[in-house]
Amino acid sequence: MSVSHTLLRQLTVGGVLAGAVIVACATTSPSSSPVGSTDTPSAQALPPGCNPDPTCPGSTCATAITPAQSVVPVDACPRFGEFQSDVDVYSWNTFIALNWPATTSACAPNTQVSILTGQGPTVWETYPEDTDIFVPPGSKPGAWCTFNTPAALETKLRRLTKLTEAGRLEAVNANVDKLLVSDSKASAIVIERFPDIKQAVGGPLTDQNGRFVRYEKRLNQDEYNYLITNNLWNAAGQTSATISFPTGPTQNPGPCNGKPCGPVGAMEVKAAWKVLSAQEVAGKRFYMRKAWVLNDESGAPSPGANPVTVGLVGLHIIHKTASQAKWFWSTFEQVDNTTSSFFNPHCTTNCQPNQQTATQPYTELAPDGGPLNAPVQVTRTTPIQADPSLNAYYRGLLKGSVWANYQLISTQWATGGAPQGTPPVLANTTMETFIQPTASCMGCHSNAPKASGSGTADFSFLMLEAQ
């Protein structure tokens, strides 16, 4: 793509922005026309979207998978402050770094192995979950890198009020990789304190096997340091605070006792997982983990078999940087989401797209373990906005690993004065399933409140979980 062609594309996007009316966190009837995925990973040469003369590592197209790709980019540097492709390169580089196999004892990338092995846990999976930080009164968050031990799992299990002692012991002895309790992308406490978000959540997503998708939320060490240093992990600490998350190593003065909170700035990760069938496990198209799944955040047991193998189907990555006070919002999906995992091309009943099929109170399985809800027929209502050649290039670099089966949908960021961000609509089919036509990460999160006191929480709904 020539520079003039790219600029024309940018101006066209700007024209769309000028005429678009976006309602964040609102539900409308989605289009019934499915928009497919591109499942053709290949990489021959640098695609046209790559900057031939990049000025920062974040926007430099990788030429091979080496340990250098295990470093999380500090920022992006889009040409003329507007090239979407340079921001999408940053998203891909971030995706590779966060999904690099981790050294669990250090919560850091293991540079002795490669992401091409498909091994876990990944770097982001060593980060603390929201429930590790926003703990009940009388408790305190643990030290960094203490959240993925058997003792930490026991602590999480003991907080689940509906889980019996026998159930707790069974989960502990199963030696699972993760505990998944949420079938909603927003936690119960956030929905209780901010009811408007319930409309955006839209209830659980039922896959083609009749199982609910499960979600988890994690945050990096920069954000952890900021919350702990400033006593923002509890509601009382937020009351009179002005929340402004760290932006990286050049911040001066920094928000952690006058110093930077870490080397990259605040990051949050939200993941969507589906319970895999034996056939899906054998197909090896997903990044897979062994999990113990429960029915709700209180630990109500699932009548289904445990443990289960879950596959990663969606990944949101948000990152506050020196150039993006409103954060970068990157979202990735597994390529089978709208062709098989959540879509049946031979559907004959309950086929209206992107409509909730479960009724409240949401129950996934019958006592015999059979599914109770019809699958949601998921279609993509907005085309994948990431450059197809860029997706194909990075998937080609990852060829031979499970990560070649993931694709960037787009990156939303603040440029050109667009109030809801660019692009104005960004949705992950596993997380914004029911609100795709109007979904705007930036527009929705701009209203995120604190748990206590007036003011907003700098785009993070996690802050509302403080107790």
Protein backbone atom coordinates (compact mmCIF):
# COMPACT_ATOMS: atom_id res chain seq x y z
CA MET A 1 0.00 0.00 0.00
CA SER A 2 1.46 3.36 -0.99
CA VAL A 3 1.67 6.28 1.43
CA SER A 4 -0.89 8.20 -0.61
CA HIS A 5 -3.23 5.20 -0.56
CA THR A 6 -2.81 4.84 3.19
CA LEU A 7 -3.49 8.54 3.77
CA LEU A 8 -6.61 8.26 1.64
CA ARG A 9 -7.73 5.33 3.78
CA GLN A 10 -7.13 7.38 6.91
CA LEU A 11 -9.14 10.30 5.52
CA THR A 12 -11.94 7.92 4.63
CA VAL A 13 -11.97 6.62 8.21
CA GLY A 14 -12.09 10.21 9.38
CA GLY A 15 -15.11 10.83 7.18
CA VAL A 16 -16.85 7.87 8.73
CA LEU A 17 -16.04 9.20 12.17
CA ALA A 18 -17.52 12.56 11.35
CA GLY A 19 -20.82 11.04 10.33
CA ALA A 20 -21.09 8.23 12.84
CA VAL A 21 -23.33 8.34 15.85
CA ILE A 22 -22.07 5.93 18.47
CA VAL A 23 -23.95 5.01 21.59
CA ALA A 24 -21.54 3.33 23.98
CA CYS A 25 -22.75 0.47 26.18
CA ALA A 26 -26.15 0.26 24.44
CA THR A 27 -27.90 -2.65 22.79
CA THR A 28 -29.43 -2.54 19.32
CA SER A 29 -30.56 -5.23 16.93
CA PRO A 30 -27.47 -6.49 15.09
CA SER A 31 -27.27 -7.16 11.40
CA SER A 32 -28.18 -10.70 10.38
CA SER A 33 -25.44 -10.86 7.76
CA PRO A 34 -22.40 -12.76 9.03
CA VAL A 35 -18.95 -11.41 8.36
CA GLY A 36 -16.44 -14.22 8.11
CA SER A 37 -12.88 -14.70 9.32
CA THR A 38 -9.78 -15.06 7.21
CA ASP A 39 -8.05 -18.37 7.94
CA THR A 40 -5.03 -18.20 5.64
CA PRO A 41 -1.82 -17.69 7.63
CA SER A 42 1.15 -17.02 5.42
CA ALA A 43 4.14 -14.72 5.46
CA GLN A 44 6.39 -14.19 2.46
CA ALA A 45 7.64 -10.64 2.89
CA LEU A 46 6.89 -7.59 4.98
CA PRO A 47 3.32 -6.50 4.19
CA PRO A 48 2.66 -2.99 2.82
CA GLY A 49 1.34 -1.84 6.19
CA CYS A 50 4.75 -2.20 7.83
CA ASN A 51 6.64 1.04 8.38
CA PRO A 52 9.94 0.83 6.46
CA ASP A 53 11.53 3.33 8.84
CA PRO A 54 9.97 2.85 12.31
CA THR A 55 11.02 5.07 15.18
CA CYS A 56 10.14 2.72 18.06
CA PRO A 57 10.14 -1.04 18.72
CA GLY A 58 6.38 -1.12 19.31
CA SER A 59 5.55 -0.22 15.71
CA THR A 60 8.37 -2.24 14.14
CA CYS A 61 7.17 -5.31 12.25
CA ALA A 62 8.84 -8.44 13.57
CA THR A 63 10.85 -10.30 10.95
CA ALA A 64 11.19 -13.53 12.94
CA ILE A 65 10.14 -15.01 16.26
CA THR A 66 13.11 -14.52 18.59
CA PRO A 67 13.46 -13.83 22.34
CA ALA A 68 13.41 -10.11 21.48
CA GLN A 69 9.67 -10.50 20.82
CA SER A 70 9.11 -11.46 24.48
CA VAL A 71 9.49 -7.80 25.54
CA VAL A 72 6.20 -5.91 25.92
CA PRO A 73 6.29 -2.71 23.82
CA VAL A 74 6.27 0.50 25.85
CA ASP A 75 4.29 2.44 23.24
CA ALA A 76 3.42 2.74 19.57
CA CYS A 77 4.69 5.41 17.17
CA PRO A 78 2.21 5.73 14.29
CA ARG A 79 3.41 7.72 11.30
CA PHE A 80 2.04 11.29 11.33
CA GLY A 81 0.19 10.29 14.48
CA GLU A 82 -2.52 8.59 12.43
CA PHE A 83 -1.41 5.38 10.69
CA GLN A 84 -3.67 2.58 11.97
CA SER A 85 -1.33 -0.10 10.62
CA ASP A 86 1.50 1.07 12.92
CA VAL A 87 -0.83 0.77 15.90
CA ASP A 88 -1.96 -2.69 14.81
CA VAL A 89 1.69 -3.77 14.53
CA TYR A 90 2.09 -2.64 18.14
CA SER A 91 -0.93 -4.79 19.07
CA TRP A 92 0.55 -7.86 17.42
CA ASN A 93 3.92 -7.29 19.09
CA THR A 94 2.13 -6.95 22.43
CA PHE A 95 0.12 -10.12 21.79
CA ILE A 96 3.29 -12.11 21.15
CA ALA A 97 5.06 -10.74 24.24
CA LEU A 98 2.13 -11.38 26.57
CA ASN A 99 1.58 -14.90 25.23
CA TRP A 100 5.25 -15.85 25.49
CA PRO A 101 5.78 -18.83 27.82
CA ALA A 102 6.48 -17.63 31.34
CA THR A 103 8.89 -18.42 34.10
CA THR A 104 6.31 -18.71 36.86
CA SER A 105 8.77 -18.08 39.67
CA ALA A 106 9.55 -14.64 38.22
CA CYS A 107 6.26 -13.89 36.43
CA ALA A 108 8.37 -13.00 33.41
CA PRO A 109 9.02 -14.44 29.94
CA ASN A 110 11.10 -17.58 29.71
CA THR A 111 13.51 -16.68 26.92
CA GLN A 112 14.90 -20.23 26.86
CA VAL A 113 11.74 -21.36 25.05
CA SER A 114 9.65 -19.86 22.27
CA ILE A 115 6.03 -18.88 21.86
CA LEU A 116 6.08 -21.28 18.90
CA THR A 117 5.96 -24.19 21.35
CA GLY A 118 2.45 -23.16 22.38
CA GLN A 119 3.31 -23.97 25.98
CA GLY A 120 1.84 -22.28 29.02
CA PRO A 121 1.39 -20.59 31.25
CA THR A 122 1.80 -17.41 29.27
CA VAL A 123 3.26 -14.24 30.76
CA TRP A 124 -0.13 -12.61 31.26
CA GLU A 125 -1.43 -15.71 33.07
CA THR A 126 1.14 -15.11 35.81
CA TYR A 127 -0.36 -11.68 36.50
CA PRO A 128 -2.79 -11.37 39.43
CA GLU A 129 -6.51 -11.64 38.81
CA ASP A 130 -8.86 -8.88 39.87
CA THR A 131 -9.96 -10.98 42.86
CA ASP A 132 -6.34 -11.28 44.01
CA ILE A 133 -6.12 -7.49 44.37
CA PHE A 134 -9.59 -6.33 45.39
CA VAL A 135 -9.82 -8.61 48.41
CA PRO A 136 -12.47 -8.65 51.17
CA PRO A 137 -12.15 -6.35 54.20
CA GLY A 138 -9.67 -7.70 56.71
CA SER A 139 -7.43 -9.10 53.98
CA LYS A 140 -4.57 -7.60 52.02
CA PRO A 141 -3.30 -8.39 48.52
CA GLY A 142 -0.28 -10.65 48.40
CA ALA A 143 3.18 -9.69 47.21
CA TRP A 144 3.87 -9.60 43.49
CA CYS A 145 4.23 -13.00 41.82
CA THR A 146 2.57 -14.96 44.61
CA PHE A 147 -0.78 -15.45 42.89
CA ASN A 148 -0.22 -18.65 40.91
CA THR A 149 0.83 -21.08 43.62
CA PRO A 150 -1.14 -23.94 45.19
CA ALA A 151 -1.51 -21.79 48.31
CA ALA A 152 -2.98 -18.95 46.26
CA LEU A 153 -5.48 -21.34 44.67
CA GLU A 154 -6.57 -22.52 48.11
CA THR A 155 -7.07 -18.91 49.19
CA LYS A 156 -9.28 -18.26 46.17
CA LEU A 157 -11.29 -21.40 46.79
CA ARG A 158 -11.85 -20.55 50.47
CA ARG A 159 -13.42 -17.22 49.47
CA LEU A 160 -16.15 -19.04 47.51
CA THR A 161 -19.01 -19.17 49.98
CA LYS A 162 -21.06 -21.81 48.13
CA LEU A 163 -18.18 -24.23 47.70
CA THR A 164 -18.16 -27.13 50.15
CA GLU A 165 -15.00 -28.34 51.84
CA ALA A 166 -15.19 -31.52 49.80
CA GLY A 167 -15.50 -29.47 46.63
CA ARG A 168 -12.53 -27.35 47.63
CA LEU A 169 -10.33 -30.38 48.26
CA GLU A 170 -11.39 -31.93 44.97
CA ALA A 171 -10.39 -28.77 43.08
CA VAL A 172 -7.06 -28.50 44.90
CA ASN A 173 -6.17 -32.13 44.24
CA ALA A 174 -7.01 -31.82 40.54
CA ASN A 175 -3.83 -29.79 39.99
CA VAL A 176 -5.53 -27.42 37.54
CA ASP A 177 -3.99 -24.48 35.72
CA LYS A 178 -6.81 -22.08 36.50
CA LEU A 179 -10.08 -21.60 38.33
CA LEU A 180 -12.88 -20.06 36.24
CA VAL A 181 -16.02 -18.88 38.01
CA SER A 182 -17.41 -16.01 35.92
CA ASP A 183 -19.78 -16.43 32.98
CA SER A 184 -20.01 -12.65 32.62
CA LYS A 185 -17.32 -10.26 31.42
CA ALA A 186 -18.31 -7.91 34.26
CA SER A 187 -18.06 -9.15 37.84
CA ALA A 188 -21.14 -9.40 40.04
CA ILE A 189 -19.98 -6.53 42.26
CA VAL A 190 -19.49 -4.24 39.25
CA ILE A 191 -22.97 -5.04 37.93
CA GLU A 192 -24.41 -4.38 41.39
CA ARG A 193 -22.67 -1.02 41.77
CA PHE A 194 -23.01 0.11 38.14
CA PRO A 195 -26.31 -1.36 36.87
CA ASP A 196 -26.00 0.34 33.47
CA ILE A 197 -23.25 -2.08 32.53
CA LYS A 198 -25.66 -5.01 32.74
CA GLN A 199 -27.19 -3.91 29.44
CA ALA A 200 -23.78 -3.99 27.81
CA VAL A 201 -22.90 -7.40 29.23
CA GLY A 202 -26.06 -9.02 27.91
CA GLY A 203 -25.78 -12.25 29.89
CA PRO A 204 -23.74 -15.40 29.26
CA LEU A 205 -22.60 -16.58 25.85
CA THR A 206 -23.57 -20.19 25.07
CA ASP A 207 -21.30 -22.00 22.61
CA GLN A 208 -22.34 -24.62 20.06
CA ASN A 209 -21.82 -27.36 22.67
CA GLY A 210 -24.25 -25.70 25.08
CA ARG A 211 -21.54 -24.51 27.48
CA PHE A 212 -21.15 -20.99 28.85
CA VAL A 213 -18.02 -19.02 28.03
CA ARG A 214 -15.94 -18.17 31.12
CA TYR A 215 -13.95 -14.99 31.68
CA GLU A 216 -10.98 -13.82 33.69
CA LYS A 217 -9.36 -10.41 34.21
CA ARG A 218 -5.71 -9.75 35.10
CA LEU A 219 -3.39 -6.76 35.50
CA ASN A 220 0.33 -6.24 35.07
CA GLN A 221 3.00 -5.28 37.61
CA ASP A 222 2.97 -1.56 36.78
CA GLU A 223 -0.73 -1.41 37.59
CA TYR A 224 -0.27 -3.64 40.63
CA ASN A 225 2.47 -1.33 41.95
CA TYR A 226 0.26 1.71 41.41
CA LEU A 227 -2.72 0.20 43.25
CA ILE A 228 -0.69 -1.07 46.19
CA THR A 229 1.52 2.01 46.58
CA ASN A 230 -1.46 4.37 46.56
CA ASN A 231 -3.78 2.17 48.64
CA LEU A 232 -6.34 2.03 45.81
CA TRP A 233 -7.08 -1.67 46.15
CA ASN A 234 -9.69 -0.89 48.84
CA ALA A 235 -12.69 1.41 48.58
CA ALA A 236 -11.61 3.72 51.41
CA GLY A 237 -8.35 4.46 49.66
CA GLN A 238 -10.21 5.63 46.56
CA THR A 239 -12.54 8.10 48.28
CA SER A 240 -10.43 11.24 47.93
CA ALA A 241 -8.01 9.95 45.30
CA THR A 242 -7.66 11.15 41.73
CA ILE A 243 -7.05 7.97 39.82
CA SER A 244 -4.52 8.26 37.01
CA PHE A 245 -2.76 5.06 36.01
CA PRO A 246 0.96 4.98 35.19
CA THR A 247 2.13 5.48 31.61
CA GLY A 248 5.61 3.98 31.69
CA PRO A 249 9.25 4.59 32.51
CA THR A 250 9.51 8.23 31.37
CA GLN A 251 6.78 9.54 33.67
CA ASN A 252 8.25 12.26 35.89
CA PRO A 253 7.14 12.59 38.58
CA GLY A 254 5.72 9.12 38.56
CA PRO A 255 2.61 8.03 40.50
CA CYS A 256 4.47 5.56 42.72
CA ASN A 257 5.97 7.80 45.42
CA GLY A 258 7.13 10.24 42.76
CA LYS A 259 8.74 7.55 40.62
CA PRO A 260 7.56 5.47 37.64
CA CYS A 261 5.58 2.39 38.64
CA GLY A 262 7.38 0.15 36.18
CA PRO A 263 8.82 -0.23 32.69
CA VAL A 264 5.70 -0.35 30.48
CA GLY A 265 2.71 1.43 32.01
CA ALA A 266 -0.57 0.01 33.28
CA MET A 267 -2.02 -2.97 31.43
CA GLU A 268 -5.16 -5.04 31.89
CA VAL A 269 -6.03 -8.30 30.15
CA LYS A 270 -9.46 -9.86 29.82
CA ALA A 271 -9.70 -13.41 28.47
CA ALA A 272 -12.63 -15.49 27.23
CA TRP A 273 -12.44 -19.29 27.45
CA LYS A 274 -14.70 -22.04 26.14
CA VAL A 275 -14.97 -25.58 27.46
CA LEU A 276 -13.62 -27.78 24.69
CA SER A 277 -15.11 -31.01 23.44
CA ALA A 278 -12.89 -34.05 22.97
CA GLN A 279 -12.93 -33.37 19.22
CA GLU A 280 -11.84 -29.76 19.75
CA VAL A 281 -9.04 -30.85 22.05
CA ALA A 282 -7.83 -33.35 19.46
CA GLY A 283 -7.93 -30.66 16.76
CA LYS A 284 -5.28 -28.61 18.62
CA ARG A 285 -6.47 -25.28 17.21
CA PHE A 286 -6.73 -23.54 20.60
CA TYR A 287 -4.34 -22.43 23.29
CA MET A 288 -5.53 -24.87 25.95
CA ARG A 289 -5.44 -25.00 29.74
CA LYS A 290 -6.71 -27.39 32.38
CA ALA A 291 -9.40 -25.63 34.41
CA TRP A 292 -11.89 -26.10 37.21
CA VAL A 293 -15.14 -24.35 36.31
CA LEU A 294 -17.87 -23.31 38.71
CA ASN A 295 -21.31 -21.81 38.16
CA ASP A 296 -20.84 -18.39 39.71
CA GLU A 297 -18.50 -16.15 41.69
CA SER A 298 -19.76 -17.65 44.95
CA GLY A 299 -18.53 -21.08 43.91
CA ALA A 300 -21.80 -22.85 43.15
CA PRO A 301 -20.68 -26.24 41.82
CA SER A 302 -21.24 -27.16 38.19
CA PRO A 303 -23.04 -30.44 37.53
CA GLY A 304 -20.68 -30.95 34.63
CA ALA A 305 -17.48 -32.94 34.87
CA ASN A 306 -14.39 -31.27 36.31
CA PRO A 307 -11.61 -30.64 35.51
CA VAL A 308 -12.13 -29.56 31.91
CA THR A 309 -9.90 -28.43 29.07
CA VAL A 310 -10.63 -24.86 28.06
CA GLY A 311 -9.54 -23.05 24.93
CA LEU A 312 -8.81 -19.35 24.60
CA VAL A 313 -11.36 -17.73 22.28
CA GLY A 314 -10.99 -14.01 22.98
CA LEU A 315 -8.41 -11.63 24.42
CA HIS A 316 -8.76 -7.93 25.24
CA ILE A 317 -5.51 -6.07 25.99
CA ILE A 318 -5.59 -2.48 27.23
CA HIS A 319 -2.46 -0.43 27.82
CA LYS A 320 -1.99 3.12 29.07
CA THR A 321 1.10 4.69 27.53
CA ALA A 322 2.80 8.07 27.34
CA SER A 323 1.09 8.74 24.00
CA GLN A 324 -2.32 7.32 24.90
CA ALA A 325 -3.92 8.82 28.00
CA LYS A 326 -7.13 7.04 26.93
CA TRP A 327 -5.25 3.73 26.58
CA PHE A 328 -4.74 1.43 23.61
CA TRP A 329 -7.55 -1.14 23.23
CA SER A 330 -6.45 -4.25 21.32
CA THR A 331 -8.69 -7.25 20.80
CA PHE A 332 -7.92 -10.70 19.37
CA GLU A 333 -10.05 -13.75 18.59
CA GLN A 334 -9.56 -17.38 17.76
CA VAL A 335 -10.27 -17.75 14.03
CA ASP A 336 -13.03 -20.37 14.42
CA ASN A 337 -15.31 -18.17 16.53
CA THR A 338 -17.76 -17.23 13.78
CA THR A 339 -17.42 -20.37 11.68
CA SER A 340 -17.81 -23.25 14.16
CA SER A 341 -17.24 -22.48 17.86
CA PHE A 342 -20.18 -20.09 18.08
CA PHE A 343 -21.86 -20.49 14.69
CA ASN A 344 -23.67 -23.38 13.05
CA PRO A 345 -23.98 -22.97 9.27
CA HIS A 346 -26.67 -25.68 9.28
CA CYS A 347 -28.77 -24.12 12.05
CA THR A 348 -32.53 -24.75 11.74
CA THR A 349 -33.92 -23.53 15.10
CA ASN A 350 -33.02 -20.57 17.36
CA CYS A 351 -31.00 -19.15 14.47
CA GLN A 352 -31.53 -15.42 14.98
CA PRO A 353 -28.00 -14.03 15.22
CA ASN A 354 -26.46 -12.63 18.38
CA GLN A 355 -29.53 -13.14 20.56
CA GLN A 356 -29.43 -14.30 24.17
CA THR A 357 -30.76 -17.85 24.50
CA ALA A 358 -30.39 -18.34 28.27
CA THR A 359 -32.97 -17.05 30.73
CA GLN A 360 -32.47 -15.74 34.25
CA PRO A 361 -31.45 -17.09 36.64
CA TYR A 362 -28.76 -18.26 34.26
CA THR A 363 -28.11 -21.99 34.64
CA GLU A 364 -25.71 -23.75 32.30
CA LEU A 365 -26.31 -27.45 32.85
CA ALA A 366 -29.02 -29.80 34.07
CA PRO A 367 -28.32 -32.04 37.10
CA ASP A 368 -27.27 -34.81 34.72
CA GLY A 369 -24.69 -32.50 33.11
CA GLY A 370 -26.61 -31.94 29.89
CA PRO A 371 -26.91 -28.44 28.39
CA LEU A 372 -30.01 -26.39 29.18
CA ASN A 373 -29.62 -23.56 26.68
CA ALA A 374 -29.62 -23.33 22.92
CA PRO A 375 -26.35 -22.12 21.40
CA VAL A 376 -26.07 -18.47 20.48
CA GLN A 377 -25.71 -18.10 16.72
CA VAL A 378 -22.84 -15.62 16.70
CA THR A 379 -22.13 -13.55 13.61
CA ARG A 380 -19.71 -10.68 13.13
CA THR A 381 -21.63 -7.47 12.41
CA THR A 382 -18.61 -5.25 11.73
CA PRO A 383 -15.88 -6.54 9.40
CA ILE A 384 -12.46 -7.25 10.88
CA GLN A 385 -10.77 -3.88 10.60
CA ALA A 386 -7.16 -4.96 10.97
CA ASP A 387 -5.23 -5.06 7.69
CA PRO A 388 -5.70 -8.62 6.29
CA SER A 389 -2.13 -8.69 4.99
CA LEU A 390 -0.81 -7.72 8.42
CA ASN A 391 -2.85 -10.45 10.11
CA ALA A 392 -1.67 -12.99 7.54
CA TYR A 393 1.93 -11.90 8.01
CA TYR A 394 1.97 -12.25 11.80
CA ARG A 395 0.01 -15.49 11.68
CA GLY A 396 2.62 -16.69 9.21
CA LEU A 397 5.38 -15.88 11.69
CA LEU A 398 3.50 -17.99 14.24
CA LYS A 399 2.85 -20.84 11.80
CA GLY A 400 3.12 -24.28 13.36
CA SER A 401 1.92 -23.08 16.77
CA VAL A 402 -1.59 -22.67 18.15
CA TRP A 403 -1.05 -18.90 18.06
CA ALA A 404 -1.33 -18.96 14.27
CA ASN A 405 -5.04 -19.58 14.88
CA TYR A 406 -5.59 -16.13 16.38
CA GLN A 407 -6.25 -12.85 14.62
CA LEU A 408 -6.31 -9.18 15.49
CA ILE A 409 -9.76 -7.64 15.11
CA SER A 410 -8.48 -4.08 15.54
CA THR A 411 -6.91 -1.58 17.91
CA GLN A 412 -8.92 1.35 19.22
CA TRP A 413 -6.99 4.49 20.14
CA ALA A 414 -7.39 8.24 20.46
CA THR A 415 -6.50 10.05 17.27
CA GLY A 416 -8.07 12.69 15.07
CA GLY A 417 -10.34 14.01 17.80
CA ALA A 418 -12.76 11.06 17.59
CA PRO A 419 -14.60 11.07 20.95
CA GLN A 420 -15.21 7.31 20.94
CA GLY A 421 -11.78 6.44 19.57
CA THR A 422 -10.57 5.14 16.21
CA PRO A 423 -12.06 2.94 14.89
CA PRO A 424 -15.34 4.16 16.43
CA VAL A 425 -16.79 0.65 16.78
CA LEU A 426 -14.73 -2.25 18.14
CA ALA A 427 -16.20 -5.52 19.34
CA ASN A 428 -14.96 -8.98 20.20
CA THR A 429 -17.60 -11.57 19.31
CA THR A 430 -16.96 -13.43 22.59
CA MET A 431 -17.18 -10.36 24.84
CA GLU A 432 -19.40 -7.80 23.10
CA THR A 433 -21.54 -10.46 21.41
CA PHE A 434 -24.88 -8.78 21.96
CA ILE A 435 -23.88 -5.14 21.39
CA GLN A 436 -21.50 -5.38 18.46
CA PRO A 437 -22.99 -2.59 16.29
CA THR A 438 -22.48 0.06 18.98
CA ALA A 439 -19.59 -1.32 21.01
CA SER A 440 -16.85 1.18 21.81
CA CYS A 441 -14.32 0.17 24.45
CA MET A 442 -13.15 3.72 24.97
CA GLY A 443 -16.63 5.21 24.96
CA CYS A 444 -17.95 2.73 27.50
CA HIS A 445 -14.96 2.76 29.84
CA SER A 446 -14.73 6.56 29.92
CA ASN A 447 -17.62 6.45 32.40
CA ALA A 448 -16.05 3.89 34.74
CA PRO A 449 -16.61 5.14 38.31
CA LYS A 450 -14.57 4.68 41.44
CA ALA A 451 -15.72 2.36 44.21
CA SER A 452 -15.94 5.31 46.60
CA GLY A 453 -15.98 9.07 46.20
CA SER A 454 -16.67 11.26 43.20
CA GLY A 455 -14.83 11.16 39.91
CA THR A 456 -14.02 8.48 37.41
CA ALA A 457 -11.54 5.60 37.50
CA ASP A 458 -9.39 6.43 34.47
CA PHE A 459 -11.17 3.99 32.13
CA SER A 460 -10.89 0.96 34.45
CA PHE A 461 -14.01 -0.81 35.68
CA LEU A 462 -11.75 -2.98 37.85
CA MET A 463 -11.58 -0.12 40.37
CA LEU A 464 -15.26 -0.59 41.09
CA GLU A 465 -14.45 -4.00 42.61
CA ALA A 466 -12.61 -2.48 45.59
CA GLN A 467 -14.22 -3.38 48.92
